């Protein structure tokens, strides 16, 4: 009887092990195929970037000096720039941000329109005395209590701009966007004024500020540095070079006035769609749909510093997940039905890359799940007679290919982070990849939930994160 029981137990264990092995194989196959496709896609982007960089170095910069804002000519058709800043519960940052912006931009020709809400008393109390003493700062109070959406707040600023034009008789040349926590650059008004003569959308780099505090907070904040240094150091330049539409980042960007006017919806009273959570991204694509041209400008100032906007990003897991989930809902999920497919192959490719973020996070999840199941099988093999099954030749080949792509991707991430923040920081980007992956997977789960809620009639609202403004008298 004991022998019979042992045999039955052995048979059950063998069956469970066989099922786990089969499940592991299927999950692993899905993961390695998905990762290989993504790796090839990223590798092509890298090759386009490197070829373009080599061509410009050999052909362009061998004959012409790199232009800086010190050698940049003034616009032949100078005009007034409107800066829109949407603000909901920004009392902690809006005062220092505006003090810095007004100081940086000085007496250049601009007006700042800050959109606020009647039920945000703390922010209003900060802004009211600032606006009362400065003609360059204009308060735009929403008719509705907040929060609505960022796009709705921007439309309030748009209508205030029209009233200002009517009052002064001066038409604005371009509209720039900033957030309430942005550290602006003194030369961006000059760049926007010149570049909007030829382009309908001008995007400058965004440089996240390094995180502070404990190692976990620093790691979460610094993974934004890693991602933006690569995205705004490589990907957007490739996107522009391929002739695809330029998505706006929502900060450090400017739109030519006439193109925004063509986007105005009489029903909403502005060019931004209040039902969108990523109105900045969508406006960039809509401008491309209408034949407008976008440009990503990486230029140094007279001191050799990059003309860019700096800001703190979330340094806690909850804030990072909420922010990235909002981006994912607007771009990766809602983008399929809201923005459709326009243009040629390059445009389709870029939009497909934008819209696979949630799928990429799911593929990452299956890869980690496959690793976990392999660990279970390995431990099981130590205590049983069942060996861990070897991968099929196809899976083994894909594993080696993906290993090569992983090394390449980590090297590229470290190089771009190192160029932007120093080489010690760049090396730290390699282990921070794991944290970035965890945040992406958690954000994808939340994004799918939010998107499904919107499909059954739950309105999307401004799911903002808590902001900080740096002490500009101390190193960031």
Protein backbone atom coordinates (compact mmCIF):
# COMPACT_ATOMS: atom_id res chain seq x y z
CA UNK A 1 0.00 0.00 0.00
CA UNK A 2 2.82 2.38 0.77
CA UNK A 3 4.48 1.62 -2.54
CA UNK A 4 1.24 2.19 -4.38
CA UNK A 5 0.73 5.53 -2.59
CA UNK A 6 4.25 6.63 -3.45
CA UNK A 7 3.62 5.80 -7.09
CA UNK A 8 0.39 7.79 -7.11
CA UNK A 9 2.12 10.74 -5.47
CA UNK A 10 4.94 10.47 -8.00
CA UNK A 11 2.43 10.43 -10.85
CA UNK A 12 0.63 13.51 -9.50
CA UNK A 13 3.93 15.34 -9.03
CA UNK A 14 5.03 14.39 -12.52
CA UNK A 15 1.74 15.67 -13.95
CA UNK A 16 2.01 18.99 -12.09
CA UNK A 17 5.63 19.38 -13.15
CA UNK A 18 4.71 18.63 -16.77
CA UNK A 19 1.89 21.21 -16.71
CA UNK A 20 4.19 23.84 -15.19
CA UNK A 21 6.86 23.06 -17.77
CA UNK A 22 4.36 23.43 -20.61
CA UNK A 23 2.94 26.68 -19.22
CA UNK A 24 6.48 27.98 -18.76
CA UNK A 25 7.35 27.14 -22.36
CA UNK A 26 4.30 28.94 -23.79
CA UNK A 27 4.78 32.04 -21.63
CA UNK A 28 8.50 32.10 -22.40
CA UNK A 29 7.86 31.75 -26.13
CA UNK A 30 5.42 34.67 -26.09
CA UNK A 31 7.85 36.80 -24.07
CA UNK A 32 10.95 36.14 -26.17
CA UNK A 33 9.10 36.75 -29.45
CA UNK A 34 7.63 40.02 -28.12
CA UNK A 35 10.97 41.15 -26.69
CA UNK A 36 12.76 40.31 -29.94
CA UNK A 37 10.31 42.37 -32.00
CA UNK A 38 10.71 45.29 -29.60
CA UNK A 39 14.48 44.88 -29.62
CA UNK A 40 14.64 44.99 -33.42
CA UNK A 41 12.41 48.06 -33.42
CA UNK A 42 14.61 49.90 -30.92
CA UNK A 43 17.79 48.80 -32.70
CA UNK A 44 16.58 50.29 -35.99
CA UNK A 45 15.87 53.59 -34.21
CA UNK A 46 19.39 53.52 -32.78
CA UNK A 47 20.92 52.87 -36.20
CA UNK A 48 18.96 55.73 -37.77
CA UNK A 49 20.13 58.03 -34.99
CA UNK A 50 23.79 57.00 -35.28
CA UNK A 51 23.80 57.29 -39.08
CA UNK A 52 22.16 60.72 -38.89
CA UNK A 53 24.63 61.87 -36.24
CA UNK A 54 27.59 60.67 -38.32
CA UNK A 55 26.23 62.33 -41.47
CA UNK A 56 25.71 65.66 -39.72
CA UNK A 57 29.18 65.51 -38.18
CA UNK A 58 30.90 64.75 -41.50
CA UNK A 59 28.78 66.87 -43.84
CA UNK A 60 27.14 69.67 -41.86
CA UNK A 61 29.40 70.49 -38.93
CA UNK A 62 32.59 70.08 -40.96
CA UNK A 63 31.53 73.18 -42.92
CA UNK A 64 29.45 75.12 -40.41
CA UNK A 65 29.93 75.92 -36.74
CA UNK A 66 27.24 74.75 -34.38
CA UNK A 67 24.86 77.60 -33.70
CA UNK A 68 24.18 78.78 -30.16
CA UNK A 69 21.64 81.24 -28.85
CA UNK A 70 24.49 83.78 -28.71
CA UNK A 71 24.96 83.55 -32.50
CA UNK A 72 21.28 83.04 -33.31
CA UNK A 73 19.83 85.84 -35.45
CA UNK A 74 16.73 87.65 -34.28
CA UNK A 75 13.45 86.84 -35.97
CA UNK A 76 12.77 88.98 -39.06
CA UNK A 77 9.14 89.05 -37.92
CA UNK A 78 9.30 89.36 -34.13
CA UNK A 79 6.09 89.00 -32.19
CA UNK A 80 4.60 88.61 -28.74
CA UNK A 81 4.64 85.15 -27.16
CA UNK A 82 1.82 83.89 -24.92
CA UNK A 83 2.79 81.39 -22.22
CA UNK A 84 -0.02 79.19 -20.89
CA UNK A 85 0.37 77.65 -17.43
CA UNK A 86 -2.50 75.46 -16.17
CA UNK A 87 -2.65 75.35 -12.38
CA UNK A 88 -4.71 73.18 -10.05
CA UNK A 89 -3.59 73.03 -6.41
CA UNK A 90 -0.15 74.46 -7.22
CA UNK A 91 0.23 76.84 -4.26
CA UNK A 92 3.50 75.18 -3.24
CA UNK A 93 5.28 75.86 -6.53
CA UNK A 94 3.54 78.52 -8.63
CA UNK A 95 5.00 81.51 -6.77
CA UNK A 96 8.69 80.53 -7.05
CA UNK A 97 8.14 79.29 -10.61
CA UNK A 98 6.70 82.63 -11.76
CA UNK A 99 9.33 84.65 -9.89
CA UNK A 100 12.03 82.69 -11.68
CA UNK A 101 10.32 82.89 -15.11
CA UNK A 102 9.75 86.64 -14.87
CA UNK A 103 13.35 87.09 -13.80
CA UNK A 104 14.76 84.89 -16.56
CA UNK A 105 12.71 86.40 -19.39
CA UNK A 106 12.99 89.99 -18.21
CA UNK A 107 11.63 92.59 -20.62
CA UNK A 108 11.20 90.30 -23.63
CA UNK A 109 7.85 90.49 -25.43
CA UNK A 110 5.63 87.92 -23.72
CA UNK A 111 2.59 87.52 -21.50
CA UNK A 112 1.99 84.70 -19.02
CA UNK A 113 -1.57 83.37 -18.70
CA UNK A 114 -2.14 81.22 -15.61
CA UNK A 115 -5.33 79.14 -15.63
CA UNK A 116 -6.79 78.63 -12.14
CA UNK A 117 -10.00 77.47 -10.48
CA UNK A 118 -12.39 79.38 -8.21
CA UNK A 119 -12.30 76.60 -5.59
CA UNK A 120 -8.49 76.56 -5.43
CA UNK A 121 -8.19 79.34 -2.87
CA UNK A 122 -4.59 78.62 -1.88
CA UNK A 123 -3.29 78.99 -5.44
CA UNK A 124 -5.41 82.11 -6.02
CA UNK A 125 -4.03 83.72 -2.86
CA UNK A 126 -0.49 83.24 -4.17
CA UNK A 127 -1.25 84.51 -7.67
CA UNK A 128 -3.46 87.51 -6.97
CA UNK A 129 -0.75 89.82 -5.55
CA UNK A 130 1.73 88.75 -8.24
CA UNK A 131 -0.71 89.52 -11.06
CA UNK A 132 -1.80 92.80 -9.50
CA UNK A 133 1.70 94.20 -9.76
CA UNK A 134 2.78 92.90 -13.16
CA UNK A 135 1.16 93.52 -16.55
CA UNK A 136 2.98 90.49 -17.99
CA UNK A 137 1.09 88.11 -15.69
CA UNK A 138 -2.61 87.51 -16.34
CA UNK A 139 -4.92 85.37 -14.20
CA UNK A 140 -7.52 83.26 -16.04
CA UNK A 141 -10.17 81.92 -13.66
CA UNK A 142 -12.19 78.95 -14.88
CA UNK A 143 -15.97 79.24 -14.81
CA UNK A 144 -16.16 75.76 -13.25
CA UNK A 145 -14.75 74.33 -10.07
CA UNK A 146 -11.69 72.14 -10.42
CA UNK A 147 -10.38 69.78 -11.27
CA UNK A 148 -11.60 69.48 -14.83
CA UNK A 149 -8.87 68.48 -17.27
CA UNK A 150 -5.62 70.18 -18.15
CA UNK A 151 -6.93 70.77 -21.67
CA UNK A 152 -10.00 72.56 -20.30
CA UNK A 153 -7.75 74.80 -18.21
CA UNK A 154 -5.62 75.58 -21.28
CA UNK A 155 -8.75 76.56 -23.20
CA UNK A 156 -9.56 79.05 -20.43
CA UNK A 157 -6.11 80.57 -21.00
CA UNK A 158 -6.77 80.65 -24.75
CA UNK A 159 -9.96 82.66 -24.28
CA UNK A 160 -8.17 85.03 -21.91
CA UNK A 161 -5.50 85.54 -24.57
CA UNK A 162 -8.17 86.52 -27.10
CA UNK A 163 -9.56 89.08 -24.65
CA UNK A 164 -6.06 90.46 -24.09
CA UNK A 165 -5.59 90.83 -27.85
CA UNK A 166 -8.87 92.69 -28.11
CA UNK A 167 -7.89 94.96 -25.22
CA UNK A 168 -4.39 95.81 -26.45
CA UNK A 169 -4.76 95.46 -30.21
CA UNK A 170 -1.60 93.30 -30.28
CA UNK A 171 -1.88 89.84 -31.81
CA UNK A 172 0.18 87.05 -30.30
CA UNK A 173 2.61 85.30 -32.60
CA UNK A 174 2.92 81.97 -30.77
CA UNK A 175 1.65 80.12 -27.71
CA UNK A 176 4.08 78.31 -25.42
CA UNK A 177 3.13 75.77 -22.75
CA UNK A 178 4.65 75.30 -19.32
CA UNK A 179 3.74 73.59 -16.08
CA UNK A 180 3.64 75.22 -12.67
CA UNK A 181 6.82 73.44 -11.51
CA UNK A 182 9.02 74.23 -14.52
CA UNK A 183 12.45 75.84 -14.27
CA UNK A 184 12.54 77.78 -17.54
CA UNK A 185 15.54 78.89 -19.60
CA UNK A 186 16.18 82.55 -20.32
CA UNK A 187 16.68 82.00 -24.08
CA UNK A 188 13.57 79.98 -24.91
CA UNK A 189 11.49 83.06 -25.83
CA UNK A 190 14.18 83.99 -28.36
CA UNK A 191 14.13 80.48 -29.82
CA UNK A 192 10.34 80.30 -29.98
CA UNK A 193 10.15 83.70 -31.67
CA UNK A 194 12.59 82.68 -34.41
CA UNK A 195 11.56 79.07 -34.95
CA UNK A 196 7.82 79.71 -35.24
CA UNK A 197 8.60 81.76 -38.35
CA UNK A 198 9.16 78.44 -40.16
CA UNK A 199 7.66 75.74 -37.95
CA UNK A 200 4.21 75.28 -36.48
CA UNK A 201 5.45 73.36 -33.43
CA UNK A 202 8.75 73.87 -31.62
CA UNK A 203 9.78 71.47 -28.86
CA UNK A 204 12.77 72.02 -26.58
CA UNK A 205 14.31 69.31 -24.38
CA UNK A 206 12.97 68.51 -20.92
CA UNK A 207 15.59 67.59 -18.32
CA UNK A 208 14.26 66.02 -15.12
CA UNK A 209 16.09 67.16 -12.01
CA UNK A 210 17.95 64.55 -10.01
CA UNK A 211 16.15 63.03 -7.07
CA UNK A 212 17.02 63.58 -3.42
CA UNK A 213 16.31 61.71 -0.22
CA UNK A 214 16.68 57.97 0.32
CA UNK A 215 17.93 55.56 -2.31
CA UNK A 216 14.42 54.44 -3.27
CA UNK A 217 13.18 58.00 -3.79
CA UNK A 218 16.31 58.86 -5.76
CA UNK A 219 15.98 55.77 -7.91
CA UNK A 220 12.36 56.51 -8.82
CA UNK A 221 13.06 60.16 -9.61
CA UNK A 222 16.28 59.38 -11.47
CA UNK A 223 14.68 56.80 -13.76
CA UNK A 224 12.87 59.77 -15.34
CA UNK A 225 16.30 61.30 -15.98
CA UNK A 226 17.35 58.10 -17.73
CA UNK A 227 14.25 57.94 -19.90
CA UNK A 228 14.08 61.62 -20.87
CA UNK A 229 17.80 61.84 -21.64
CA UNK A 230 17.33 59.08 -24.20
CA UNK A 231 13.93 60.17 -25.50
CA UNK A 232 14.89 63.85 -25.84
CA UNK A 233 18.46 63.08 -26.81
CA UNK A 234 17.72 60.50 -29.49
CA UNK A 235 14.16 59.45 -30.22
CA UNK A 236 12.62 62.84 -30.97
CA UNK A 237 15.52 63.74 -33.27
CA UNK A 238 14.92 60.50 -35.19
CA UNK A 239 11.20 61.18 -35.32
CA UNK A 240 11.80 64.62 -36.78
CA UNK A 241 14.41 63.34 -39.25
CA UNK A 242 11.97 60.73 -40.57
CA UNK A 243 9.33 63.38 -41.24
CA UNK A 244 6.83 62.04 -38.69
CA UNK A 245 4.66 64.42 -36.69
CA UNK A 246 6.26 65.88 -33.59
CA UNK A 247 4.34 65.17 -30.37
CA UNK A 248 4.39 67.99 -27.87
CA UNK A 249 5.65 67.27 -24.36
CA UNK A 250 3.26 69.85 -22.91
CA UNK A 251 6.13 71.92 -21.53
CA UNK A 252 9.02 73.75 -23.22
CA UNK A 253 7.03 73.81 -26.45
CA UNK A 254 5.46 76.51 -28.62
CA UNK A 255 2.78 76.51 -31.30
CA UNK A 256 2.48 78.97 -34.15
CA UNK A 257 -0.67 81.00 -33.58
CA UNK A 258 -2.47 80.34 -36.88
CA UNK A 259 -2.18 76.55 -36.66
CA UNK A 260 -3.74 76.54 -33.18
CA UNK A 261 -6.52 78.78 -34.45
CA UNK A 262 -7.38 76.13 -37.03
CA UNK A 263 -7.75 73.59 -34.21
CA UNK A 264 -10.26 75.65 -32.23
CA UNK A 265 -13.51 73.82 -31.55
CA UNK A 266 -16.39 76.30 -31.07
CA UNK A 267 -18.09 73.84 -28.72
CA UNK A 268 -15.16 73.88 -26.27
CA UNK A 269 -13.92 77.40 -26.89
CA UNK A 270 -10.32 76.46 -27.55
CA UNK A 271 -7.87 74.29 -29.51
CA UNK A 272 -7.38 71.67 -26.78
CA UNK A 273 -9.74 68.72 -26.39
CA UNK A 274 -11.06 68.77 -22.79
CA UNK A 275 -11.87 65.05 -22.97
CA UNK A 276 -8.20 64.18 -23.46
CA UNK A 277 -5.67 63.42 -20.73
CA UNK A 278 -2.75 63.96 -23.13
CA UNK A 279 -3.90 67.07 -24.98
CA UNK A 280 -0.31 68.15 -25.62
CA UNK A 281 0.57 64.91 -27.43
CA UNK A 282 -2.65 64.99 -29.46
CA UNK A 283 -2.20 68.61 -30.57
CA UNK A 284 1.22 67.74 -31.98
CA UNK A 285 -0.24 64.90 -34.04
CA UNK A 286 -3.21 66.99 -35.19
CA UNK A 287 -0.83 69.67 -36.39
CA UNK A 288 1.00 67.01 -38.38
CA UNK A 289 -2.31 65.79 -39.83
CA UNK A 290 -2.95 69.31 -41.14
CA UNK A 291 0.44 69.49 -42.82
CA UNK A 292 2.13 71.53 -40.11
CA UNK A 293 5.83 71.07 -39.45
CA UNK A 294 7.34 70.33 -36.08
CA UNK A 295 10.95 70.64 -34.98
CA UNK A 296 12.88 69.41 -31.97
CA UNK A 297 15.56 71.97 -31.08
CA UNK A 298 18.67 71.02 -29.11
CA UNK A 299 20.77 74.17 -28.86
CA UNK A 300 23.33 75.47 -26.38
CA UNK A 301 23.36 78.92 -24.84
CA UNK A 302 26.32 81.28 -24.62
CA UNK A 303 27.58 79.38 -21.56
CA UNK A 304 27.43 76.02 -23.30
CA UNK A 305 24.35 74.87 -21.38
CA UNK A 306 21.47 73.17 -23.14
CA UNK A 307 18.41 75.37 -23.64
CA UNK A 308 15.93 73.16 -21.83
CA UNK A 309 13.24 73.12 -19.18
CA UNK A 310 14.07 71.43 -15.89
CA UNK A 311 11.64 70.07 -13.33
CA UNK A 312 11.21 67.53 -10.60
CA UNK A 313 9.31 64.37 -11.41
CA UNK A 314 7.63 62.06 -8.87
CA UNK A 315 10.02 60.41 -6.41
CA UNK A 316 7.52 57.95 -4.94
CA UNK A 317 6.02 54.82 -6.43
CA UNK A 318 2.39 55.94 -6.21
CA UNK A 319 3.05 59.27 -7.92
CA UNK A 320 5.14 57.72 -10.70
CA UNK A 321 2.54 55.04 -11.40
CA UNK A 322 -0.30 57.57 -11.49
CA UNK A 323 1.58 59.87 -13.85
CA UNK A 324 2.68 57.16 -16.24
CA UNK A 325 -0.77 55.57 -16.21
CA UNK A 326 -2.23 58.90 -17.33
CA UNK A 327 0.28 59.11 -20.17
CA UNK A 328 -0.47 55.51 -21.12
CA UNK A 329 -4.24 56.03 -21.17
CA UNK A 330 -4.00 59.07 -23.43
CA UNK A 331 -1.29 57.87 -25.79
CA UNK A 332 -1.18 54.08 -25.81
CA UNK A 333 -4.85 53.20 -25.28
CA UNK A 334 -7.09 56.12 -26.25
CA UNK A 335 -4.73 57.01 -29.10
CA UNK A 336 -5.99 54.08 -31.17
CA UNK A 337 -9.51 55.46 -31.53
CA UNK A 338 -8.92 59.18 -30.87
CA UNK A 339 -6.06 59.82 -33.27
CA UNK A 340 -6.37 57.06 -35.85
CA UNK A 341 -3.75 56.47 -38.53
CA UNK A 342 -2.56 59.20 -40.89
CA UNK A 343 0.42 59.91 -43.09
CA UNK A 344 2.86 57.44 -44.58
CA UNK A 345 4.92 54.50 -43.31
CA UNK A 346 7.16 56.62 -41.06
CA UNK A 347 4.13 58.17 -39.36
CA UNK A 348 2.46 54.77 -38.92
CA UNK A 349 5.64 53.37 -37.42
CA UNK A 350 5.98 56.21 -34.91
CA UNK A 351 2.32 56.00 -33.89
CA UNK A 352 2.61 52.25 -33.48
CA UNK A 353 5.60 52.78 -31.18
CA UNK A 354 3.56 55.28 -29.17
CA UNK A 355 0.64 52.88 -28.84
CA UNK A 356 2.47 49.74 -27.82
CA UNK A 357 3.51 50.98 -24.36
CA UNK A 358 0.81 48.99 -22.58
CA UNK A 359 1.53 45.89 -24.68
CA UNK A 360 5.26 46.28 -24.02
CA UNK A 361 4.58 46.39 -20.28
CA UNK A 362 2.52 43.19 -20.58
CA UNK A 363 5.35 41.49 -22.48
CA UNK A 364 7.74 42.55 -19.70
CA UNK A 365 5.36 41.04 -17.16
CA UNK A 366 5.28 37.72 -19.03
CA UNK A 367 9.08 37.72 -19.20
CA UNK A 368 9.36 38.15 -15.43
CA UNK A 369 6.64 35.52 -14.95
CA UNK A 370 8.59 33.10 -17.14
CA UNK A 371 11.68 33.75 -15.03
CA UNK A 372 9.68 33.08 -11.86
CA UNK A 373 8.28 29.81 -13.26
CA UNK A 374 11.76 28.74 -14.29
CA UNK A 375 12.86 29.31 -10.68
CA UNK A 376 9.96 27.16 -9.44
CA UNK A 377 10.90 24.39 -11.86
CA UNK A 378 14.55 24.63 -10.85
CA UNK A 379 13.74 24.34 -7.14
CA UNK A 380 11.36 21.48 -7.89
CA UNK A 381 14.07 19.62 -9.79
CA UNK A 382 16.33 19.77 -6.73
CA UNK A 383 13.85 17.80 -4.64
CA UNK A 384 12.40 15.50 -7.28
CA UNK A 385 13.60 13.34 -10.12
CA UNK A 386 12.16 15.70 -12.71
CA UNK A 387 14.81 17.73 -14.59
CA UNK A 388 14.15 21.27 -15.81
CA UNK A 389 13.23 20.96 -19.50
CA UNK A 390 15.70 22.51 -21.91
CA UNK A 391 14.32 25.29 -24.16
CA UNK A 392 13.63 24.43 -27.78
CA UNK A 393 16.27 25.55 -30.31
CA UNK A 394 14.01 28.42 -31.43
CA UNK A 395 13.46 29.68 -27.89
CA UNK A 396 17.16 29.29 -27.07
CA UNK A 397 18.13 31.31 -30.15
CA UNK A 398 15.64 34.05 -29.24
CA UNK A 399 16.96 34.10 -25.68
CA UNK A 400 20.48 34.80 -26.94
CA UNK A 401 19.21 37.44 -29.37
CA UNK A 402 17.29 39.16 -26.59
CA UNK A 403 20.32 38.98 -24.31
CA UNK A 404 22.30 40.85 -26.95
CA UNK A 405 19.56 43.44 -27.37
CA UNK A 406 19.38 43.86 -23.57
CA UNK A 407 23.11 44.59 -23.34
CA UNK A 408 22.82 47.05 -26.24
CA UNK A 409 19.77 48.78 -24.72
CA UNK A 410 21.40 49.15 -21.32
CA UNK A 411 24.54 50.55 -22.94
CA UNK A 412 22.53 53.10 -24.91
CA UNK A 413 20.54 54.12 -21.84
CA UNK A 414 23.74 54.51 -19.79
CA UNK A 415 25.44 56.53 -22.54
CA UNK A 416 22.59 59.02 -22.95
CA UNK A 417 22.10 59.39 -19.20
CA UNK A 418 25.85 59.83 -18.82
CA UNK A 419 26.00 62.53 -21.50
CA UNK A 420 23.23 64.46 -19.74
CA UNK A 421 24.11 63.92 -16.08
CA UNK A 422 27.65 62.55 -15.85
CA UNK A 423 29.11 59.08 -16.30
CA UNK A 424 28.67 57.89 -12.72
CA UNK A 425 24.99 58.73 -13.01
CA UNK A 426 24.87 57.00 -16.39
CA UNK A 427 26.16 53.74 -14.95
CA UNK A 428 23.39 53.91 -12.37
CA UNK A 429 20.86 53.84 -15.20
CA UNK A 430 21.60 50.13 -15.69
CA UNK A 431 20.19 48.88 -12.36
CA UNK A 432 17.45 51.54 -12.51
CA UNK A 433 16.09 49.73 -15.56
CA UNK A 434 14.49 47.20 -13.20
CA UNK A 435 12.69 49.99 -11.33
CA UNK A 436 11.54 51.52 -14.62
CA UNK A 437 10.13 48.14 -15.66
CA UNK A 438 8.26 47.70 -12.37
CA UNK A 439 6.71 51.17 -12.68
CA UNK A 440 5.76 50.52 -16.31
CA UNK A 441 3.99 47.26 -15.44
CA UNK A 442 2.09 48.82 -12.54
CA UNK A 443 1.17 51.85 -14.65
CA UNK A 444 -0.12 49.61 -17.45
CA UNK A 445 -2.44 47.82 -15.03
CA UNK A 446 -3.83 51.13 -13.75
CA UNK A 447 -4.08 52.56 -17.28
CA UNK A 448 -6.17 49.65 -18.53
CA UNK A 449 -8.51 50.05 -15.55
CA UNK A 450 -8.89 53.82 -16.14
CA UNK A 451 -9.45 53.33 -19.85
CA UNK A 452 -12.13 50.69 -19.30
CA UNK A 453 -13.84 53.03 -16.84
CA UNK A 454 -13.88 55.78 -19.46
CA UNK A 455 -15.52 53.42 -21.97
CA UNK A 456 -18.51 52.97 -19.67
CA UNK A 457 -19.04 56.69 -19.22
CA UNK A 458 -16.83 57.63 -16.25
CA UNK A 459 -15.32 61.03 -17.18
CA UNK A 460 -11.56 61.45 -17.16
CA UNK A 461 -10.33 64.12 -14.76
CA UNK A 462 -7.01 65.82 -14.04
CA UNK A 463 -5.12 63.03 -12.27
CA UNK A 464 -2.26 65.29 -11.27
CA UNK A 465 0.80 64.53 -9.18
CA UNK A 466 2.25 66.58 -6.33
CA UNK A 467 4.89 69.01 -7.55
CA UNK A 468 8.05 70.53 -6.10
CA UNK A 469 10.15 73.51 -7.15
CA UNK A 470 13.90 73.44 -6.54
CA UNK A 471 15.86 75.83 -4.38
CA UNK A 472 17.67 77.65 -7.16
CA UNK A 473 20.25 79.04 -4.74
CA UNK A 474 21.59 75.53 -4.07
CA UNK A 475 22.78 72.85 -6.52
CA UNK A 476 19.90 70.76 -7.96
